[in-house]
Every structure is written in C-alpha cells, then in structure tokens.
C-alpha cells in the first residue's frame, strides 16, 4: 500500500496531465461517473462544505438540482466529506491525507481511471 505522501505526489503528477479531478465538484462528478480510481481527502472536521446524495452511492452532487436532473427523486443534503466517503463505494480507494500535507484544492481530489473526452 502506498503511503499518503507518495499518493499526493502521484495525484499532482497526474493532475498536470489531466488525469485527476481536483475540488469538490469535479471529484463528485468523477465518482458519479465511476471514473475515480482513488480519492484523496483532507481530514478536516471543521469543514462546512455540503453536498447532496441520493439512495445509491454514485448519486452524489454539489446541488440538489444536479441530482434531480438525473432523475434522482430522494435527495438529502450532507457534509461534503461524508458524501465523498460514501460515494467511494463506487469502487474508488479512499485515502485520508495526514495533517500538515497540502491537500488538493478544496481538500479533495481523485485520480482518474480514464480521462473524460473533451467536448
């Protein structure tokens, strides 16, 4: 198992190549699409970021509207970090970053299984 510090270095390397999502919205989008292979998240109990979830782990978004547009009828607002951890059940490995490490922007990021096609 790789240490969190080396995973963070790998994340930064892959982000430079467009093979990582950084920030809450891009990370939950990658989780929702099953695109995230690994999620790095800062352990920040003081975070006030929020996200919306549906009954299934991949039903996660930064707004209720995003989920209702996808046909998710039952939505609940939750702490963003809890929603990300729950969504990691889509098959992504979850790694909490140690205190003192500079996390991805927004405190969360994901290494991607594949790069999304450009529109």
PDB file of N, CA and C in Angstrom:
ATOM      1  N   UNK A   1       0.842  -1.174   0.000  1.00  0.00           N
ATOM      2  CA  UNK A   1       0.000   0.000   0.000  1.00  0.00           C
ATOM      3  C   UNK A   1       0.891   1.243   0.000  1.00  0.00           C
ATOM      4  N   UNK A   2       0.617   2.164  -0.898  1.00  0.00           N
ATOM      5  CA  UNK A   2       1.409   3.387  -0.997  1.00  0.00           C
ATOM      6  C   UNK A   2       1.086   4.318   0.162  1.00  0.00           C
ATOM      7  N   UNK A   3       2.094   5.032   0.614  1.00  0.00           N
ATOM      8  CA  UNK A   3       1.896   5.997   1.682  1.00  0.00           C
ATOM      9  C   UNK A   3       1.154   7.206   1.125  1.00  0.00           C
ATOM     10  N   UNK A   4       0.335   7.887   1.985  1.00  0.00           N
ATOM     11  CA  UNK A   4      -0.412   9.058   1.509  1.00  0.00           C
ATOM     12  C   UNK A   4       0.476  10.116   0.855  1.00  0.00           C
ATOM     13  N   UNK A   5       1.685  10.335   1.366  1.00  0.00           N
ATOM     14  CA  UNK A   5       2.557  11.360   0.794  1.00  0.00           C
ATOM     15  C   UNK A   5       2.916  11.018  -0.649  1.00  0.00           C
ATOM     16  N   UNK A   6       3.212   9.747  -0.939  1.00  0.00           N
ATOM     17  CA  UNK A   6       3.545   9.379  -2.312  1.00  0.00           C
ATOM     18  C   UNK A   6       2.301   9.417  -3.199  1.00  0.00           C
ATOM     19  N   UNK A   7       1.125   9.148  -2.638  1.00  0.00           N
ATOM     20  CA  UNK A   7      -0.117   9.230  -3.408  1.00  0.00           C
ATOM     21  C   UNK A   7      -0.415  10.681  -3.766  1.00  0.00           C
ATOM     22  N   UNK A   8      -0.092  11.596  -2.870  1.00  0.00           N
ATOM     23  CA  UNK A   8      -0.293  13.017  -3.144  1.00  0.00           C
ATOM     24  C   UNK A   8       0.645  13.470  -4.256  1.00  0.00           C
ATOM     25  N   UNK A   9       1.868  12.980  -4.260  1.00  0.00           N
ATOM     26  CA  UNK A   9       2.805  13.297  -5.344  1.00  0.00           C
ATOM     27  C   UNK A   9       2.290  12.721  -6.665  1.00  0.00           C
ATOM     28  N   UNK A  10       1.764  11.514  -6.634  1.00  0.00           N
ATOM     29  CA  UNK A  10       1.188  10.896  -7.828  1.00  0.00           C
ATOM     30  C   UNK A  10      -0.022  11.706  -8.303  1.00  0.00           C
ATOM     31  N   UNK A  11      -0.846  12.147  -7.355  1.00  0.00           N
ATOM     32  CA  UNK A  11      -2.006  12.969  -7.702  1.00  0.00           C
ATOM     33  C   UNK A  11      -1.552  14.233  -8.442  1.00  0.00           C
ATOM     34  N   UNK A  12      -0.578  14.908  -7.901  1.00  0.00           N
ATOM     35  CA  UNK A  12      -0.104  16.152  -8.531  1.00  0.00           C
ATOM     36  C   UNK A  12       0.471  15.888  -9.924  1.00  0.00           C
ATOM     37  N   UNK A  13       1.183  14.798 -10.076  1.00  0.00           N
ATOM     38  CA  UNK A  13       1.733  14.437 -11.373  1.00  0.00           C
ATOM     39  C   UNK A  13       0.619  14.160 -12.375  1.00  0.00           C
ATOM     40  N   UNK A  14      -0.384  13.401 -11.964  1.00  0.00           N
ATOM     41  CA  UNK A  14      -1.494  13.068 -12.856  1.00  0.00           C
ATOM     42  C   UNK A  14      -2.375  14.288 -13.148  1.00  0.00           C
ATOM     43  N   UNK A  15      -2.528  15.184 -12.170  1.00  0.00           N
ATOM     44  CA  UNK A  15      -3.308  16.403 -12.379  1.00  0.00           C
ATOM     45  C   UNK A  15      -2.679  17.253 -13.484  1.00  0.00           C
ATOM     46  N   UNK A  16      -1.366  17.283 -13.526  1.00  0.00           N
ATOM     47  CA  UNK A  16      -0.664  18.042 -14.568  1.00  0.00           C
ATOM     48  C   UNK A  16      -0.922  17.453 -15.951  1.00  0.00           C
ATOM     49  N   UNK A  17      -1.311  16.181 -16.003  1.00  0.00           N
ATOM     50  CA  UNK A  17      -1.600  15.501 -17.277  1.00  0.00           C
ATOM     51  C   UNK A  17      -3.095  15.428 -17.574  1.00  0.00           C
ATOM     52  N   UNK A  18      -3.918  16.033 -16.706  1.00  0.00           N
ATOM     53  CA  UNK A  18      -5.355  15.985 -16.913  1.00  0.00           C
ATOM     54  C   UNK A  18      -5.989  14.671 -16.510  1.00  0.00           C
ATOM     55  N   UNK A  19      -5.290  13.881 -15.682  1.00  0.00           N
ATOM     56  CA  UNK A  19      -5.805  12.569 -15.271  1.00  0.00           C
ATOM     57  C   UNK A  19      -6.169  12.555 -13.790  1.00  0.00           C
ATOM     58  N   UNK A  20      -6.590  13.728 -13.290  1.00  0.00           N
ATOM     59  CA  UNK A  20      -7.034  13.840 -11.905  1.00  0.00           C
ATOM     60  C   UNK A  20      -8.101  14.921 -11.828  1.00  0.00           C
ATOM     61  N   UNK A  21      -8.998  14.754 -10.887  1.00  0.00           N
ATOM     62  CA  UNK A  21     -10.025  15.762 -10.612  1.00  0.00           C
ATOM     63  C   UNK A  21      -9.643  16.449  -9.311  1.00  0.00           C
ATOM     64  N   UNK A  22      -9.768  17.761  -9.265  1.00  0.00           N
ATOM     65  CA  UNK A  22      -9.395  18.496  -8.064  1.00  0.00           C
ATOM     66  C   UNK A  22     -10.519  19.435  -7.677  1.00  0.00           C
ATOM     67  N   UNK A  23     -10.902  19.392  -6.397  1.00  0.00           N
ATOM     68  CA  UNK A  23     -12.003  20.189  -5.896  1.00  0.00           C
ATOM     69  C   UNK A  23     -13.247  19.333  -5.745  1.00  0.00           C
ATOM     70  N   UNK A  24     -14.213  19.855  -5.009  1.00  0.00           N
ATOM     71  CA  UNK A  24     -15.403  19.072  -4.690  1.00  0.00           C
ATOM     72  C   UNK A  24     -16.232  18.726  -5.924  1.00  0.00           C
ATOM     73  N   UNK A  25     -16.612  19.706  -6.727  1.00  0.00           N
ATOM     74  CA  UNK A  25     -17.493  19.432  -7.876  1.00  0.00           C
ATOM     75  C   UNK A  25     -16.862  18.452  -8.873  1.00  0.00           C
ATOM     76  N   UNK A  26     -15.599  18.657  -9.297  1.00  0.00           N
ATOM     77  CA  UNK A  26     -15.006  17.694 -10.232  1.00  0.00           C
ATOM     78  C   UNK A  26     -14.827  16.296  -9.621  1.00  0.00           C
ATOM     79  N   UNK A  27     -14.534  16.233  -8.332  1.00  0.00           N
ATOM     80  CA  UNK A  27     -14.344  14.937  -7.682  1.00  0.00           C
ATOM     81  C   UNK A  27     -15.660  14.173  -7.581  1.00  0.00           C
ATOM     82  N   UNK A  28     -16.747  14.839  -7.171  1.00  0.00           N
ATOM     83  CA  UNK A  28     -18.018  14.115  -7.090  1.00  0.00           C
ATOM     84  C   UNK A  28     -18.512  13.736  -8.482  1.00  0.00           C
ATOM     85  N   UNK A  29     -18.216  14.549  -9.485  1.00  0.00           N
ATOM     86  CA  UNK A  29     -18.589  14.183 -10.858  1.00  0.00           C
ATOM     87  C   UNK A  29     -17.846  12.921 -11.292  1.00  0.00           C
ATOM     88  N   UNK A  30     -16.551  12.824 -10.949  1.00  0.00           N
ATOM     89  CA  UNK A  30     -15.768  11.633 -11.290  1.00  0.00           C
ATOM     90  C   UNK A  30     -16.288  10.406 -10.539  1.00  0.00           C
ATOM     91  N   UNK A  31     -16.652  10.574  -9.280  1.00  0.00           N
ATOM     92  CA  UNK A  31     -17.215   9.461  -8.510  1.00  0.00           C
ATOM     93  C   UNK A  31     -18.550   9.026  -9.105  1.00  0.00           C
ATOM     94  N   UNK A  32     -19.389   9.976  -9.440  1.00  0.00           N
ATOM     95  CA  UNK A  32     -20.705   9.675 -10.007  1.00  0.00           C
ATOM     96  C   UNK A  32     -20.578   8.896 -11.314  1.00  0.00           C
ATOM     97  N   UNK A  33     -19.548   9.233 -12.111  1.00  0.00           N
ATOM     98  CA  UNK A  33     -19.335   8.570 -13.402  1.00  0.00           C
ATOM     99  C   UNK A  33     -18.569   7.259 -13.281  1.00  0.00           C
ATOM    100  N   UNK A  34     -18.136   6.900 -12.062  1.00  0.00           N
ATOM    101  CA  UNK A  34     -17.334   5.693 -11.896  1.00  0.00           C
ATOM    102  C   UNK A  34     -15.927   5.866 -12.442  1.00  0.00           C
ATOM    103  N   UNK A  35     -15.508   7.092 -12.613  1.00  0.00           N
ATOM    104  CA  UNK A  35     -14.224   7.426 -13.222  1.00  0.00           C
ATOM    105  C   UNK A  35     -13.080   7.485 -12.203  1.00  0.00           C
ATOM    106  N   UNK A  36     -13.406   7.670 -10.920  1.00  0.00           N
ATOM    107  CA  UNK A  36     -12.379   7.826  -9.886  1.00  0.00           C
ATOM    108  C   UNK A  36     -11.820   6.480  -9.458  1.00  0.00           C
ATOM    109  N   UNK A  37     -10.507   6.340  -9.513  1.00  0.00           N
ATOM    110  CA  UNK A  37      -9.877   5.116  -9.022  1.00  0.00           C
ATOM    111  C   UNK A  37      -9.429   5.274  -7.579  1.00  0.00           C
ATOM    112  N   UNK A  38      -9.115   6.500  -7.201  1.00  0.00           N
ATOM    113  CA  UNK A  38      -8.605   6.771  -5.868  1.00  0.00           C
ATOM    114  C   UNK A  38      -9.015   8.183  -5.473  1.00  0.00           C
ATOM    115  N   UNK A  39      -9.490   8.345  -4.248  1.00  0.00           N
ATOM    116  CA  UNK A  39      -9.892   9.657  -3.746  1.00  0.00           C
ATOM    117  C   UNK A  39      -8.975  10.035  -2.594  1.00  0.00           C
ATOM    118  N   UNK A  40      -8.433  11.238  -2.674  1.00  0.00           N
ATOM    119  CA  UNK A  40      -7.610  11.787  -1.603  1.00  0.00           C
ATOM    120  C   UNK A  40      -8.424  12.883  -0.933  1.00  0.00           C
ATOM    121  N   UNK A  41      -8.548  12.805   0.379  1.00  0.00           N
ATOM    122  CA  UNK A  41      -9.371  13.766   1.094  1.00  0.00           C
ATOM    123  C   UNK A  41      -8.669  14.214   2.370  1.00  0.00           C
ATOM    124  N   UNK A  42      -8.723  15.508   2.612  1.00  0.00           N
ATOM    125  CA  UNK A  42      -8.145  16.055   3.836  1.00  0.00           C
ATOM    126  C   UNK A  42      -9.077  15.734   4.996  1.00  0.00           C
ATOM    127  N   UNK A  43      -8.510  15.349   6.112  1.00  0.00           N
ATOM    128  CA  UNK A  43      -9.300  15.099   7.318  1.00  0.00           C
ATOM    129  C   UNK A  43      -9.485  16.444   8.007  1.00  0.00           C
ATOM    130  N   UNK A  44     -10.618  17.099   7.715  1.00  0.00           N
ATOM    131  CA  UNK A  44     -10.876  18.438   8.230  1.00  0.00           C
ATOM    132  C   UNK A  44     -12.238  18.481   8.906  1.00  0.00           C
ATOM    133  N   UNK A  45     -12.287  18.183  10.211  1.00  0.00           N
ATOM    134  CA  UNK A  45     -13.568  18.177  10.916  1.00  0.00           C
ATOM    135  C   UNK A  45     -14.255  19.539  10.938  1.00  0.00           C
ATOM    136  N   UNK A  46     -13.534  20.609  10.665  1.00  0.00           N
ATOM    137  CA  UNK A  46     -14.144  21.940  10.691  1.00  0.00           C
ATOM    138  C   UNK A  46     -14.782  22.328   9.357  1.00  0.00           C
ATOM    139  N   UNK A  47     -14.668  21.482   8.349  1.00  0.00           N
ATOM    140  CA  UNK A  47     -15.211  21.799   7.031  1.00  0.00           C
ATOM    141  C   UNK A  47     -16.723  21.997   7.102  1.00  0.00           C
ATOM    142  N   UNK A  48     -17.203  23.018   6.399  1.00  0.00           N
ATOM    143  CA  UNK A  48     -18.633  23.300   6.332  1.00  0.00           C
ATOM    144  C   UNK A  48     -19.183  23.042   4.928  1.00  0.00           C
ATOM    145  N   UNK A  49     -18.372  22.459   4.034  1.00  0.00           N
ATOM    146  CA  UNK A  49     -18.822  22.171   2.672  1.00  0.00           C
ATOM    147  C   UNK A  49     -19.969  21.164   2.708  1.00  0.00           C
ATOM    148  N   UNK A  50     -20.925  21.351   1.794  1.00  0.00           N
ATOM    149  CA  UNK A  50     -22.099  20.495   1.736  1.00  0.00           C
ATOM    150  C   UNK A  50     -22.221  19.868   0.359  1.00  0.00           C
ATOM    151  N   UNK A  51     -22.884  18.723   0.290  1.00  0.00           N
ATOM    152  CA  UNK A  51     -23.177  18.037  -0.969  1.00  0.00           C
ATOM    153  C   UNK A  51     -24.542  17.369  -0.818  1.00  0.00           C
ATOM    154  N   UNK A  52     -25.062  16.902  -1.930  1.00  0.00           N
ATOM    155  CA  UNK A  52     -26.358  16.221  -1.953  1.00  0.00           C
ATOM    156  C   UNK A  52     -26.138  14.776  -2.366  1.00  0.00           C
ATOM    157  N   UNK A  53     -26.888  13.878  -1.739  1.00  0.00           N
ATOM    158  CA  UNK A  53     -26.791  12.458  -2.060  1.00  0.00           C
ATOM    159  C   UNK A  53     -28.175  11.877  -2.280  1.00  0.00           C
ATOM    160  N   UNK A  54     -28.207  10.824  -3.085  1.00  0.00           N
ATOM    161  CA  UNK A  54     -29.417  10.047  -3.287  1.00  0.00           C
ATOM    162  C   UNK A  54     -29.254   8.700  -2.617  1.00  0.00           C
ATOM    163  N   UNK A  55     -30.174   7.770  -2.855  1.00  0.00           N
ATOM    164  CA  UNK A  55     -30.122   6.472  -2.199  1.00  0.00           C
ATOM    165  C   UNK A  55     -28.917   5.603  -2.591  1.00  0.00           C
ATOM    166  N   UNK A  56     -28.386   5.769  -3.802  1.00  0.00           N
ATOM    167  CA  UNK A  56     -27.266   4.948  -4.273  1.00  0.00           C
ATOM    168  C   UNK A  56     -25.937   5.688  -4.084  1.00  0.00           C
ATOM    169  N   UNK A  57     -24.839   4.974  -3.823  1.00  0.00           N
ATOM    170  CA  UNK A  57     -23.558   5.637  -3.581  1.00  0.00           C
ATOM    171  C   UNK A  57     -23.118   6.598  -4.685  1.00  0.00           C
ATOM    172  N   UNK A  58     -23.375   6.275  -5.941  1.00  0.00           N
ATOM    173  CA  UNK A  58     -22.931   7.144  -7.043  1.00  0.00           C
ATOM    174  C   UNK A  58     -23.831   8.360  -7.227  1.00  0.00           C
ATOM    175  N   UNK A  59     -24.917   8.433  -6.486  1.00  0.00           N
ATOM    176  CA  UNK A  59     -25.812   9.580  -6.579  1.00  0.00           C
ATOM    177  C   UNK A  59     -25.321  10.656  -5.621  1.00  0.00           C
ATOM    178  N   UNK A  60     -24.392  11.444  -6.126  1.00  0.00           N
ATOM    179  CA  UNK A  60     -23.767  12.500  -5.334  1.00  0.00           C
ATOM    180  C   UNK A  60     -23.549  13.713  -6.233  1.00  0.00           C
ATOM    181  N   UNK A  61     -23.760  14.897  -5.681  1.00  0.00           N
ATOM    182  CA  UNK A  61     -23.602  16.130  -6.453  1.00  0.00           C
ATOM    183  C   UNK A  61     -23.438  17.293  -5.488  1.00  0.00           C
ATOM    184  N   UNK A  62     -23.035  18.428  -6.025  1.00  0.00           N
ATOM    185  CA  UNK A  62     -22.881  19.614  -5.184  1.00  0.00           C
ATOM    186  C   UNK A  62     -24.179  20.407  -5.079  1.00  0.00           C
ATOM    187  N   UNK A  63     -25.202  20.019  -5.847  1.00  0.00           N
ATOM    188  CA  UNK A  63     -26.504  20.690  -5.726  1.00  0.00           C
ATOM    189  C   UNK A  63     -27.630  19.665  -5.883  1.00  0.00           C
ATOM    190  N   UNK A  64     -28.763  19.969  -5.288  1.00  0.00           N
ATOM    191  CA  UNK A  64     -29.931  19.101  -5.418  1.00  0.00           C
ATOM    192  C   UNK A  64     -30.359  19.040  -6.882  1.00  0.00           C
ATOM    193  N   UNK A  65     -30.285  20.174  -7.562  1.00  0.00           N
ATOM    194  CA  UNK A  65     -30.691  20.267  -8.957  1.00  0.00           C
ATOM    195  C   UNK A  65     -29.938  19.266  -9.844  1.00  0.00           C
ATOM    196  N   UNK A  66     -28.639  19.118  -9.603  1.00  0.00           N
ATOM    197  CA  UNK A  66     -27.844  18.157 -10.388  1.00  0.00           C
ATOM    198  C   UNK A  66     -28.419  16.745 -10.288  1.00  0.00           C
ATOM    199  N   UNK A  67     -28.845  16.371  -9.094  1.00  0.00           N
ATOM    200  CA  UNK A  67     -29.382  15.022  -8.909  1.00  0.00           C
ATOM    201  C   UNK A  67     -30.787  14.892  -9.481  1.00  0.00           C
ATOM    202  N   UNK A  68     -31.627  15.887  -9.263  1.00  0.00           N
ATOM    203  CA  UNK A  68     -32.993  15.787  -9.793  1.00  0.00           C
ATOM    204  C   UNK A  68     -32.983  15.787 -11.310  1.00  0.00           C
ATOM    205  N   UNK A  69     -32.026  16.489 -11.937  1.00  0.00           N
ATOM    206  CA  UNK A  69     -31.887  16.433 -13.393  1.00  0.00           C
ATOM    207  C   UNK A  69     -31.564  15.033 -13.875  1.00  0.00           C
ATOM    208  N   UNK A  70     -30.922  14.243 -13.037  1.00  0.00           N
ATOM    209  CA  UNK A  70     -30.561  12.869 -13.376  1.00  0.00           C
ATOM    210  C   UNK A  70     -31.638  11.880 -12.958  1.00  0.00           C
ATOM    211  N   UNK A  71     -32.771  12.379 -12.518  1.00  0.00           N
ATOM    212  CA  UNK A  71     -33.882  11.513 -12.162  1.00  0.00           C
ATOM    213  C   UNK A  71     -33.855  10.963 -10.750  1.00  0.00           C
ATOM    214  N   UNK A  72     -32.987  11.488  -9.894  1.00  0.00           N
ATOM    215  CA  UNK A  72     -32.929  11.031  -8.505  1.00  0.00           C
ATOM    216  C   UNK A  72     -34.019  11.772  -7.732  1.00  0.00           C
ATOM    217  N   UNK A  73     -34.986  11.024  -7.217  1.00  0.00           N
ATOM    218  CA  UNK A  73     -36.117  11.632  -6.536  1.00  0.00           C
ATOM    219  C   UNK A  73     -35.868  11.926  -5.071  1.00  0.00           C
ATOM    220  N   UNK A  74     -35.212  11.024  -4.395  1.00  0.00           N
ATOM    221  CA  UNK A  74     -34.948  11.196  -2.971  1.00  0.00           C
ATOM    222  C   UNK A  74     -33.544  11.751  -2.802  1.00  0.00           C
ATOM    223  N   UNK A  75     -33.439  12.979  -2.326  1.00  0.00           N
ATOM    224  CA  UNK A  75     -32.125  13.585  -2.102  1.00  0.00           C
ATOM    225  C   UNK A  75     -32.041  14.116  -0.681  1.00  0.00           C
ATOM    226  N   UNK A  76     -30.838  14.092  -0.151  1.00  0.00           N
ATOM    227  CA  UNK A  76     -30.576  14.570   1.204  1.00  0.00           C
ATOM    228  C   UNK A  76     -29.290  15.370   1.178  1.00  0.00           C
ATOM    229  N   UNK A  77     -29.277  16.491   1.869  1.00  0.00           N
ATOM    230  CA  UNK A  77     -28.051  17.269   1.997  1.00  0.00           C
ATOM    231  C   UNK A  77     -27.223  16.682   3.136  1.00  0.00           C
ATOM    232  N   UNK A  78     -25.898  16.642   2.938  1.00  0.00           N
ATOM    233  CA  UNK A  78     -24.995  16.057   3.937  1.00  0.00           C
ATOM    234  C   UNK A  78     -23.673  16.817   3.897  1.00  0.00           C
ATOM    235  N   UNK A  79     -22.832  16.537   4.861  1.00  0.00           N
ATOM    236  CA  UNK A  79     -21.471  17.088   4.818  1.00  0.00           C
ATOM    237  C   UNK A  79     -20.802  16.581   3.551  1.00  0.00           C
ATOM    238  N   UNK A  80     -20.059  17.419   2.886  1.00  0.00           N
ATOM    239  CA  UNK A  80     -19.418  17.021   1.628  1.00  0.00           C
ATOM    240  C   UNK A  80     -18.437  15.875   1.846  1.00  0.00           C
ATOM    241  N   UNK A  81     -17.656  15.932   2.925  1.00  0.00           N
ATOM    242  CA  UNK A  81     -16.686  14.856   3.141  1.00  0.00           C
ATOM    243  C   UNK A  81     -17.390  13.519   3.368  1.00  0.00           C
ATOM    244  N   UNK A  82     -18.510  13.527   4.071  1.00  0.00           N
ATOM    245  CA  UNK A  82     -19.267  12.288   4.284  1.00  0.00           C
ATOM    246  C   UNK A  82     -19.830  11.771   2.964  1.00  0.00           C
ATOM    247  N   UNK A  83     -20.307  12.683   2.123  1.00  0.00           N
ATOM    248  CA  UNK A  83     -20.849  12.283   0.818  1.00  0.00           C
ATOM    249  C   UNK A  83     -19.756  11.680  -0.061  1.00  0.00           C
ATOM    250  N   UNK A  84     -18.564  12.251  -0.029  1.00  0.00           N
ATOM    251  CA  UNK A  84     -17.443  11.737  -0.823  1.00  0.00           C
ATOM    252  C   UNK A  84     -17.039  10.357  -0.320  1.00  0.00           C
ATOM    253  N   UNK A  85     -16.945  10.199   0.976  1.00  0.00           N
ATOM    254  CA  UNK A  85     -16.588   8.889   1.545  1.00  0.00           C
ATOM    255  C   UNK A  85     -17.626   7.849   1.141  1.00  0.00           C
ATOM    256  N   UNK A  86     -18.897   8.188   1.214  1.00  0.00           N
ATOM    257  CA  UNK A  86     -19.975   7.272   0.822  1.00  0.00           C
ATOM    258  C   UNK A  86     -19.873   6.931  -0.658  1.00  0.00           C
ATOM    259  N   UNK A  87     -19.599   7.926  -1.487  1.00  0.00           N
ATOM    260  CA  UNK A  87     -19.519   7.713  -2.933  1.00  0.00           C
ATOM    261  C   UNK A  87     -18.306   6.884  -3.329  1.00  0.00           C
ATOM    262  N   UNK A  88     -17.305   6.813  -2.479  1.00  0.00           N
ATOM    263  CA  UNK A  88     -16.126   5.994  -2.791  1.00  0.00           C
ATOM    264  C   UNK A  88     -16.513   4.518  -2.905  1.00  0.00           C
ATOM    265  N   UNK A  89     -17.706   4.166  -2.445  1.00  0.00           N
ATOM    266  CA  UNK A  89     -18.191   2.787  -2.585  1.00  0.00           C
ATOM    267  C   UNK A  89     -18.407   2.423  -4.049  1.00  0.00           C
ATOM    268  N   UNK A  90     -18.246   3.375  -4.964  1.00  0.00           N
ATOM    269  CA  UNK A  90     -18.350   3.094  -6.398  1.00  0.00           C
ATOM    270  C   UNK A  90     -17.123   2.345  -6.898  1.00  0.00           C
ATOM    271  N   UNK A  91     -16.181   2.060  -6.005  1.00  0.00           N
ATOM    272  CA  UNK A  91     -15.002   1.298  -6.379  1.00  0.00           C
ATOM    273  C   UNK A  91     -13.709   2.075  -6.274  1.00  0.00           C
ATOM    274  N   UNK A  92     -13.773   3.275  -5.741  1.00  0.00           N
ATOM    275  CA  UNK A  92     -12.562   4.079  -5.580  1.00  0.00           C
ATOM    276  C   UNK A  92     -11.911   3.781  -4.233  1.00  0.00           C
ATOM    277  N   UNK A  93     -10.585   3.770  -4.236  1.00  0.00           N
ATOM    278  CA  UNK A  93      -9.874   3.659  -2.963  1.00  0.00           C
ATOM    279  C   UNK A  93      -9.930   5.015  -2.281  1.00  0.00           C
ATOM    280  N   UNK A  94     -10.038   5.011  -0.982  1.00  0.00           N
ATOM    281  CA  UNK A  94     -10.146   6.237  -0.206  1.00  0.00           C
ATOM    282  C   UNK A  94      -8.894   6.421   0.627  1.00  0.00           C
ATOM    283  N   UNK A  95      -8.298   7.589   0.511  1.00  0.00           N
ATOM    284  CA  UNK A  95      -7.087   7.879   1.287  1.00  0.00           C
ATOM    285  C   UNK A  95      -7.252   9.226   1.989  1.00  0.00           C
ATOM    286  N   UNK A  96      -7.167   9.190   3.319  1.00  0.00           N
ATOM    287  CA  UNK A  96      -7.194  10.420   4.097  1.00  0.00           C
ATOM    288  C   UNK A  96      -5.771  10.964   4.168  1.00  0.00           C
ATOM    289  N   UNK A  97      -5.646  12.252   3.915  1.00  0.00           N
ATOM    290  CA  UNK A  97      -4.324  12.876   3.914  1.00  0.00           C
ATOM    291  C   UNK A  97      -3.920  13.246   5.335  1.00  0.00           C
ATOM    292  N   UNK A  98      -2.661  13.037   5.665  1.00  0.00           N
ATOM    293  CA  UNK A  98      -2.198  13.369   7.012  1.00  0.00           C
ATOM    294  C   UNK A  98      -2.189  14.886   7.228  1.00  0.00           C
ATOM    295  N   UNK A  99      -2.393  15.273   8.467  1.00  0.00           N
ATOM    296  CA  UNK A  99      -2.348  16.678   8.835  1.00  0.00           C
ATOM    297  C   UNK A  99      -0.980  17.252   8.455  1.00  0.00           C
ATOM    298  N   UNK A 100      -0.971  18.453   7.968  1.00  0.00           N
ATOM    299  CA  UNK A 100       0.276  19.095   7.588  1.00  0.00           C
ATOM    300  C   UNK A 100       0.610  18.954   6.112  1.00  0.00           C
ATOM    301  N   UNK A 101      -0.045  18.023   5.422  1.00  0.00           N
ATOM    302  CA  UNK A 101       0.152  17.870   3.974  1.00  0.00           C
ATOM    303  C   UNK A 101      -0.737  18.863   3.255  1.00  0.00           C
ATOM    304  N   UNK A 102      -0.235  19.432   2.177  1.00  0.00           N
ATOM    305  CA  UNK A 102      -1.016  20.366   1.373  1.00  0.00           C
ATOM    306  C   UNK A 102      -1.995  19.557   0.524  1.00  0.00           C
ATOM    307  N   UNK A 103      -3.297  19.619   0.851  1.00  0.00           N
ATOM    308  CA  UNK A 103      -4.267  18.806   0.120  1.00  0.00           C
ATOM    309  C   UNK A 103      -4.549  19.383  -1.262  1.00  0.00           C
ATOM    310  N   UNK A 104      -5.228  18.632  -2.101  1.00  0.00           N
ATOM    311  CA  UNK A 104      -5.698  19.192  -3.368  1.00  0.00           C
ATOM    312  C   UNK A 104      -6.598  20.393  -3.070  1.00  0.00           C
ATOM    313  N   UNK A 105      -6.800  21.237  -4.072  1.00  0.00           N
ATOM    314  CA  UNK A 105      -7.663  22.396  -3.901  1.00  0.00           C
ATOM    315  C   UNK A 105      -9.037  21.942  -3.412  1.00  0.00           C
ATOM    316  N   UNK A 106      -9.577  22.628  -2.442  1.00  0.00           N
ATOM    317  CA  UNK A 106     -10.882  22.255  -1.903  1.00  0.00           C
ATOM    318  C   UNK A 106     -10.832  21.088  -0.937  1.00  0.00           C
ATOM    319  N   UNK A 107      -9.643  20.560  -0.671  1.00  0.00           N
ATOM    320  CA  UNK A 107      -9.490  19.478   0.296  1.00  0.00           C
ATOM    321  C   UNK A 107      -9.784  18.086  -0.234  1.00  0.00           C
ATOM    322  N   UNK A 108     -10.088  17.987  -1.540  1.00  0.00           N
ATOM    323  CA  UNK A 108     -10.432  16.676  -2.082  1.00  0.00           C
ATOM    324  C   UNK A 108     -10.041  16.604  -3.553  1.00  0.00           C
ATOM    325  N   UNK A 109      -9.620  15.417  -3.960  1.00  0.00           N
ATOM    326  CA  UNK A 109      -9.274  15.194  -5.360  1.00  0.00           C
ATOM    327  C   UNK A 109      -9.347  13.713  -5.665  1.00  0.00           C
ATOM    328  N   UNK A 110      -9.306  13.384  -6.942  1.00  0.00           N
ATOM    329  CA  UNK A 110      -9.393  11.976  -7.350  1.00  0.00           C
ATOM    330  C   UNK A 110      -8.444  11.700  -8.495  1.00  0.00           C
ATOM    331  N   UNK A 111      -7.768  10.572  -8.417  1.00  0.00           N
ATOM    332  CA  UNK A 111      -7.036  10.038  -9.560  1.00  0.00           C
ATOM    333  C   UNK A 111      -8.064   9.345 -10.440  1.00  0.00           C
ATOM    334  N   UNK A 112      -7.947   9.514 -11.738  1.00  0.00           N
ATOM    335  CA  UNK A 112      -8.959   9.011 -12.657  1.00  0.00           C
ATOM    336  C   UNK A 112      -8.546   7.717 -13.338  1.00  0.00           C
ATOM    337  N   UNK A 113      -9.504   6.846 -13.546  1.00  0.00           N
ATOM    338  CA  UNK A 113      -9.278   5.600 -14.281  1.00  0.00           C
ATOM    339  C   UNK A 113      -9.031   5.909 -15.756  1.00  0.00           C
ATOM    340  N   UNK A 114      -9.706   6.919 -16.247  1.00  0.00           N
ATOM    341  CA  UNK A 114      -9.584   7.325 -17.646  1.00  0.00           C
ATOM    342  C   UNK A 114      -9.892   8.812 -17.712  1.00  0.00           C
ATOM    343  N   UNK A 115      -9.378   9.445 -18.723  1.00  0.00           N
ATOM    344  CA  UNK A 115      -9.607  10.867 -18.928  1.00  0.00           C
ATOM    345  C   UNK A 115     -10.917  11.041 -19.685  1.00  0.00           C
ATOM    346  N   UNK A 116     -11.745  11.950 -19.216  1.00  0.00           N
ATOM    347  CA  UNK A 116     -13.025  12.199 -19.881  1.00  0.00           C
ATOM    348  C   UNK A 116     -12.772  12.811 -21.269  1.00  0.00           C
ATOM    349  N   UNK A 117     -13.581  12.434 -22.252  1.00  0.00           N
ATOM    350  CA  UNK A 117     -13.413  13.018 -23.583  1.00  0.00           C
ATOM    351  C   UNK A 117     -13.699  14.522 -23.545  1.00  0.00           C
ATOM    352  N   UNK A 118     -12.954  15.270 -24.315  1.00  0.00           N
ATOM    353  CA  UNK A 118     -13.155  16.718 -24.394  1.00  0.00           C
ATOM    354  C   UNK A 118     -14.302  17.012 -25.342  1.00  0.00           C
ATOM    355  N   UNK A 119     -15.152  17.949 -24.961  1.00  0.00           N
ATOM    356  CA  UNK A 119     -16.286  18.347 -25.821  1.00  0.00           C
ATOM    357  C   UNK A 119     -15.852  19.353 -26.859  1.00  0.00           C
TER     358      UNK A 119
END
